[in-house]
Amino acid sequence: MAILHSIALHAVLSFSPQSRQKGRTSPPLIWDLRLPPSTARAASHTHHIVPPYYLSQPATSPPTPYIRIVSGVFPFDWRIDVQNPYGVTVGDVLDGISRGLRRGVTQREWAQTSRTQKARVADAFYARTLQSADPRREHSQGVRRVDWLLKHTTFVGLTPSPEMPYTWTLTTKRADR
């Protein structure tokens, strides 16, 4: 478990660079962030969805009613705030990440983006919409924050932020497909 100010993150969500050095090359959760959290699979049983009892478990120990998720990939102050007065669960975190990444990009944010980055994000947008179940509908929804991940849309885990309490950094890797 990753520890942040004596708060430990559930193992299914946790990632640390040290885990790569210790030979852990795949995260405990396999999830393409372009897809809903219901598509997440347990790495130990890739054909099985994440068991419901995992989703209902506290995301942190001790349980906390709030966590924030950030990413160094995002160009703006995009934060994902996850709240549950009874304690944030693993399911709350997955749902929060999905909702946060499905948010549309504003015209102002798009206008502030460099031409080069716009082209990269547009490529990711078109690839995502073409792979969706309803490409026309998805295309009409416009560019989403998940498109800023470009091809790095596979969830790896969350790493505690040393500077900000109750904050974890989203780590992703290049998608296999």
C-alpha atoms as a PDB file:
ATOM      1  CA  MET A   1       0.000   0.000   0.000  1.00  0.00           C
ATOM      2  CA  ALA A   2       1.218   3.500  -0.815  1.00  0.00           C
ATOM      3  CA  ILE A   3       1.390   5.615   2.323  1.00  0.00           C
ATOM      4  CA  LEU A   4       0.613   9.322   2.400  1.00  0.00           C
ATOM      5  CA  HIS A   5       0.826  11.104   5.739  1.00  0.00           C
ATOM      6  CA  SER A   6      -0.059   7.788   7.453  1.00  0.00           C
ATOM      7  CA  ILE A   7      -2.844   7.126   4.949  1.00  0.00           C
ATOM      8  CA  ALA A   8      -2.447   3.926   2.938  1.00  0.00           C
ATOM      9  CA  LEU A   9      -4.017   3.495  -0.498  1.00  0.00           C
ATOM     10  CA  HIS A  10      -5.766   0.219  -1.392  1.00  0.00           C
ATOM     11  CA  ALA A  11      -3.383  -2.149  -3.191  1.00  0.00           C
ATOM     12  CA  VAL A  12      -5.587  -2.387  -6.299  1.00  0.00           C
ATOM     13  CA  LEU A  13      -5.174   1.385  -6.823  1.00  0.00           C
ATOM     14  CA  SER A  14      -1.605   1.849  -5.663  1.00  0.00           C
ATOM     15  CA  PHE A  15       1.508   2.283  -7.776  1.00  0.00           C
ATOM     16  CA  SER A  16       5.028   3.220  -6.857  1.00  0.00           C
ATOM     17  CA  PRO A  17       8.099   3.469  -9.081  1.00  0.00           C
ATOM     18  CA  GLN A  18       9.764   1.000  -6.698  1.00  0.00           C
ATOM     19  CA  SER A  19       7.234  -1.664  -7.699  1.00  0.00           C
ATOM     20  CA  ARG A  20       8.660  -1.573 -11.247  1.00  0.00           C
ATOM     21  CA  GLN A  21      12.161  -2.045  -9.876  1.00  0.00           C
ATOM     22  CA  LYS A  22      10.952  -5.040  -7.852  1.00  0.00           C
ATOM     23  CA  GLY A  23       9.735  -6.701 -11.034  1.00  0.00           C
ATOM     24  CA  ARG A  24       6.056  -5.744 -10.941  1.00  0.00           C
ATOM     25  CA  THR A  25       5.489  -4.799 -14.550  1.00  0.00           C
ATOM     26  CA  SER A  26       1.718  -4.929 -14.683  1.00  0.00           C
ATOM     27  CA  PRO A  27      -0.684  -3.085 -12.424  1.00  0.00           C
ATOM     28  CA  PRO A  28      -3.130  -5.074 -10.268  1.00  0.00           C
ATOM     29  CA  LEU A  29      -5.936  -3.545 -12.310  1.00  0.00           C
ATOM     30  CA  ILE A  30      -6.202  -3.634 -16.109  1.00  0.00           C
ATOM     31  CA  TRP A  31      -8.300  -0.716 -17.311  1.00  0.00           C
ATOM     32  CA  ASP A  32      -8.322   1.334 -20.504  1.00  0.00           C
ATOM     33  CA  LEU A  33      -9.289   4.786 -19.244  1.00  0.00           C
ATOM     34  CA  ARG A  34     -11.192   5.513 -22.461  1.00  0.00           C
ATOM     35  CA  LEU A  35     -13.738   2.913 -21.345  1.00  0.00           C
ATOM     36  CA  PRO A  36     -16.104   2.813 -18.348  1.00  0.00           C
ATOM     37  CA  PRO A  37     -14.790   1.445 -15.024  1.00  0.00           C
ATOM     38  CA  SER A  38     -17.083  -1.565 -15.465  1.00  0.00           C
ATOM     39  CA  THR A  39     -14.568  -2.807 -18.073  1.00  0.00           C
ATOM     40  CA  ALA A  40     -11.695  -2.905 -15.551  1.00  0.00           C
ATOM     41  CA  ARG A  41     -10.265  -6.371 -15.011  1.00  0.00           C
ATOM     42  CA  ALA A  42      -8.272  -7.906 -12.204  1.00  0.00           C
ATOM     43  CA  ALA A  43      -4.749  -8.548 -13.524  1.00  0.00           C
ATOM     44  CA  SER A  44      -4.672 -11.947 -11.848  1.00  0.00           C
ATOM     45  CA  HIS A  45      -7.814 -12.995 -13.760  1.00  0.00           C
ATOM     46  CA  THR A  46      -7.932 -10.900 -16.935  1.00  0.00           C
ATOM     47  CA  HIS A  47     -11.220 -12.434 -18.011  1.00  0.00           C
ATOM     48  CA  HIS A  48     -12.937 -11.432 -14.774  1.00  0.00           C
ATOM     49  CA  ILE A  49     -14.283  -8.039 -13.861  1.00  0.00           C
ATOM     50  CA  VAL A  50     -13.076  -6.512 -10.634  1.00  0.00           C
ATOM     51  CA  PRO A  51     -15.043  -8.299  -7.895  1.00  0.00           C
ATOM     52  CA  PRO A  52     -17.772  -6.135  -6.330  1.00  0.00           C
ATOM     53  CA  TYR A  53     -16.303  -6.649  -2.860  1.00  0.00           C
ATOM     54  CA  TYR A  54     -13.151  -4.817  -4.024  1.00  0.00           C
ATOM     55  CA  LEU A  55     -15.197  -1.907  -5.335  1.00  0.00           C
ATOM     56  CA  SER A  56     -16.971  -1.475  -2.004  1.00  0.00           C
ATOM     57  CA  GLN A  57     -13.767  -1.550   0.052  1.00  0.00           C
ATOM     58  CA  PRO A  58     -12.319   1.708   1.410  1.00  0.00           C
ATOM     59  CA  ALA A  59      -9.838   3.269  -1.008  1.00  0.00           C
ATOM     60  CA  THR A  60      -7.701   4.348   1.933  1.00  0.00           C
ATOM     61  CA  SER A  61      -6.788   3.128   5.380  1.00  0.00           C
ATOM     62  CA  PRO A  62      -7.962   4.736   7.506  1.00  0.00           C
ATOM     63  CA  PRO A  63     -11.023   5.663   5.430  1.00  0.00           C
ATOM     64  CA  THR A  64     -11.186   9.293   4.349  1.00  0.00           C
ATOM     65  CA  PRO A  65     -14.183  11.222   2.950  1.00  0.00           C
ATOM     66  CA  TYR A  66     -12.114  12.950   0.252  1.00  0.00           C
ATOM     67  CA  ILE A  67      -9.191  12.394  -2.087  1.00  0.00           C
ATOM     68  CA  ARG A  68      -7.860  14.387  -5.023  1.00  0.00           C
ATOM     69  CA  ILE A  69      -6.314  12.928  -8.179  1.00  0.00           C
ATOM     70  CA  VAL A  70      -3.993  14.938 -10.409  1.00  0.00           C
ATOM     71  CA  SER A  71      -1.825  14.205 -13.437  1.00  0.00           C
ATOM     72  CA  GLY A  72       1.312  15.850 -14.740  1.00  0.00           C
ATOM     73  CA  VAL A  73       0.044  15.186 -18.269  1.00  0.00           C
ATOM     74  CA  PHE A  74      -2.796  17.663 -18.008  1.00  0.00           C
ATOM     75  CA  PRO A  75      -2.000  21.175 -19.228  1.00  0.00           C
ATOM     76  CA  PHE A  76      -4.460  22.945 -16.973  1.00  0.00           C
ATOM     77  CA  ASP A  77      -5.450  22.745 -13.328  1.00  0.00           C
ATOM     78  CA  TRP A  78      -7.566  19.660 -13.969  1.00  0.00           C
ATOM     79  CA  ARG A  79      -8.204  17.881 -10.718  1.00  0.00           C
ATOM     80  CA  ILE A  80     -10.437  14.954  -9.954  1.00  0.00           C
ATOM     81  CA  ASP A  81     -12.035  15.295  -6.534  1.00  0.00           C
ATOM     82  CA  VAL A  82     -13.616  12.138  -5.142  1.00  0.00           C
ATOM     83  CA  GLN A  83     -15.894  12.417  -2.132  1.00  0.00           C
ATOM     84  CA  ASN A  84     -17.972  10.070  -0.007  1.00  0.00           C
ATOM     85  CA  PRO A  85     -19.036  11.116   3.517  1.00  0.00           C
ATOM     86  CA  TYR A  86     -18.790   7.470   4.643  1.00  0.00           C
ATOM     87  CA  GLY A  87     -15.289   7.065   3.232  1.00  0.00           C
ATOM     88  CA  VAL A  88     -14.142   6.981  -0.388  1.00  0.00           C
ATOM     89  CA  THR A  89     -14.283   3.454  -1.816  1.00  0.00           C
ATOM     90  CA  VAL A  90     -12.270   1.813  -4.596  1.00  0.00           C
ATOM     91  CA  GLY A  91     -15.399   2.061  -6.769  1.00  0.00           C
ATOM     92  CA  ASP A  92     -15.733   5.771  -5.968  1.00  0.00           C
ATOM     93  CA  VAL A  93     -12.152   6.320  -7.164  1.00  0.00           C
ATOM     94  CA  LEU A  94     -12.674   4.434 -10.430  1.00  0.00           C
ATOM     95  CA  ASP A  95     -15.957   6.258 -11.074  1.00  0.00           C
ATOM     96  CA  GLY A  96     -14.349   9.600 -10.204  1.00  0.00           C
ATOM     97  CA  ILE A  97     -11.439   9.036 -12.578  1.00  0.00           C
ATOM     98  CA  SER A  98     -13.835   8.040 -15.341  1.00  0.00           C
ATOM     99  CA  ARG A  99     -16.113  11.052 -14.802  1.00  0.00           C
ATOM    100  CA  GLY A 100     -13.137  13.407 -14.608  1.00  0.00           C
ATOM    101  CA  LEU A 101     -11.598  12.114 -17.823  1.00  0.00           C
ATOM    102  CA  ARG A 102     -14.940  12.111 -19.668  1.00  0.00           C
ATOM    103  CA  ARG A 103     -15.394  15.832 -19.083  1.00  0.00           C
ATOM    104  CA  GLY A 104     -15.302  17.915 -22.212  1.00  0.00           C
ATOM    105  CA  VAL A 105     -12.535  20.370 -22.955  1.00  0.00           C
ATOM    106  CA  THR A 106     -13.732  23.973 -22.905  1.00  0.00           C
ATOM    107  CA  GLN A 107     -13.303  26.327 -25.844  1.00  0.00           C
ATOM    108  CA  ARG A 108     -11.017  28.465 -23.701  1.00  0.00           C
ATOM    109  CA  GLU A 109      -8.801  25.487 -22.833  1.00  0.00           C
ATOM    110  CA  TRP A 110      -8.659  24.438 -26.480  1.00  0.00           C
ATOM    111  CA  ALA A 111      -7.780  27.996 -27.553  1.00  0.00           C
ATOM    112  CA  GLN A 112      -4.870  28.029 -25.085  1.00  0.00           C
ATOM    113  CA  THR A 113      -3.442  24.789 -26.479  1.00  0.00           C
ATOM    114  CA  SER A 114      -0.482  24.868 -28.864  1.00  0.00           C
ATOM    115  CA  ARG A 115      -0.997  23.885 -32.487  1.00  0.00           C
ATOM    116  CA  THR A 116       1.283  20.847 -32.067  1.00  0.00           C
ATOM    117  CA  GLN A 117      -0.578  19.608 -28.999  1.00  0.00           C
ATOM    118  CA  LYS A 118      -3.944  20.207 -30.680  1.00  0.00           C
ATOM    119  CA  ALA A 119      -2.866  17.901 -33.518  1.00  0.00           C
ATOM    120  CA  ARG A 120      -1.804  15.171 -31.061  1.00  0.00           C
ATOM    121  CA  VAL A 121      -5.000  15.461 -29.029  1.00  0.00           C
ATOM    122  CA  ALA A 122      -7.098  15.489 -32.211  1.00  0.00           C
ATOM    123  CA  ASP A 123      -5.439  12.236 -33.323  1.00  0.00           C
ATOM    124  CA  ALA A 124      -6.290  10.663 -29.955  1.00  0.00           C
ATOM    125  CA  PHE A 125      -9.842  12.018 -30.207  1.00  0.00           C
ATOM    126  CA  TYR A 126     -10.409  10.517 -33.660  1.00  0.00           C
ATOM    127  CA  ALA A 127      -8.910   7.174 -32.622  1.00  0.00           C
ATOM    128  CA  ARG A 128     -11.135   7.067 -29.518  1.00  0.00           C
ATOM    129  CA  THR A 129     -14.310   7.999 -31.370  1.00  0.00           C
ATOM    130  CA  LEU A 130     -13.695   5.458 -34.143  1.00  0.00           C
ATOM    131  CA  GLN A 131     -13.256   2.692 -31.555  1.00  0.00           C
ATOM    132  CA  SER A 132     -16.437   3.564 -29.680  1.00  0.00           C
ATOM    133  CA  ALA A 133     -19.695   1.631 -30.013  1.00  0.00           C
ATOM    134  CA  ASP A 134     -21.369   4.693 -31.557  1.00  0.00           C
ATOM    135  CA  PRO A 135     -18.659   6.736 -33.329  1.00  0.00           C
ATOM    136  CA  ARG A 136     -21.025   9.417 -34.641  1.00  0.00           C
ATOM    137  CA  ARG A 137     -22.515  10.095 -31.205  1.00  0.00           C
ATOM    138  CA  GLU A 138     -19.111  10.025 -29.500  1.00  0.00           C
ATOM    139  CA  HIS A 139     -17.670  12.386 -32.110  1.00  0.00           C
ATOM    140  CA  SER A 140     -20.523  14.839 -31.528  1.00  0.00           C
ATOM    141  CA  GLN A 141     -19.566  15.020 -27.832  1.00  0.00           C
ATOM    142  CA  GLY A 142     -16.233  16.627 -28.740  1.00  0.00           C
ATOM    143  CA  VAL A 143     -12.741  16.408 -27.288  1.00  0.00           C
ATOM    144  CA  ARG A 144     -12.549  15.073 -23.755  1.00  0.00           C
ATOM    145  CA  ARG A 145      -9.854  15.230 -21.116  1.00  0.00           C
ATOM    146  CA  VAL A 146      -9.028  11.570 -21.683  1.00  0.00           C
ATOM    147  CA  ASP A 147      -7.790  12.570 -25.147  1.00  0.00           C
ATOM    148  CA  TRP A 148      -4.937  14.486 -23.465  1.00  0.00           C
ATOM    149  CA  LEU A 149      -3.520  11.126 -22.388  1.00  0.00           C
ATOM    150  CA  LEU A 150      -2.858  10.491 -26.103  1.00  0.00           C
ATOM    151  CA  LYS A 151      -1.933   6.794 -26.396  1.00  0.00           C
ATOM    152  CA  HIS A 152      -1.148   6.412 -22.684  1.00  0.00           C
ATOM    153  CA  THR A 153      -4.625   5.349 -21.610  1.00  0.00           C
ATOM    154  CA  THR A 154      -3.921   2.224 -19.557  1.00  0.00           C
ATOM    155  CA  PHE A 155      -4.333   2.723 -15.810  1.00  0.00           C
ATOM    156  CA  VAL A 156      -1.191   1.868 -13.843  1.00  0.00           C
ATOM    157  CA  GLY A 157      -2.110   3.273 -10.451  1.00  0.00           C
ATOM    158  CA  LEU A 158      -1.976   6.212  -8.104  1.00  0.00           C
ATOM    159  CA  THR A 159       1.142   7.572  -6.426  1.00  0.00           C
ATOM    160  CA  PRO A 160       0.966   9.762  -3.321  1.00  0.00           C
ATOM    161  CA  SER A 161       1.815  13.424  -3.784  1.00  0.00           C
ATOM    162  CA  PRO A 162       4.568  14.468  -1.371  1.00  0.00           C
ATOM    163  CA  GLU A 163       3.451  18.117  -1.479  1.00  0.00           C
ATOM    164  CA  MET A 164      -0.326  17.930  -1.153  1.00  0.00           C
ATOM    165  CA  PRO A 165      -2.243  15.965   1.485  1.00  0.00           C
ATOM    166  CA  TYR A 166      -5.003  13.597   0.328  1.00  0.00           C
ATOM    167  CA  THR A 167      -3.687  13.918  -3.229  1.00  0.00           C
ATOM    168  CA  TRP A 168      -2.531  11.162  -5.554  1.00  0.00           C
ATOM    169  CA  THR A 169      -0.992  11.375  -9.018  1.00  0.00           C
ATOM    170  CA  LEU A 170      -2.495   9.283 -11.809  1.00  0.00           C
ATOM    171  CA  THR A 171       0.055   7.102 -13.595  1.00  0.00           C
ATOM    172  CA  THR A 172      -0.717   5.627 -17.013  1.00  0.00           C
ATOM    173  CA  LYS A 173       1.085   3.668 -19.698  1.00  0.00           C
ATOM    174  CA  ARG A 174       0.736   3.197 -23.432  1.00  0.00           C
ATOM    175  CA  ALA A 175      -2.302   1.143 -24.402  1.00  0.00           C
ATOM    176  CA  ASP A 176      -1.638  -2.256 -25.943  1.00  0.00           C
ATOM    177  CA  ARG A 177      -4.070  -1.691 -28.805  1.00  0.00           C
END
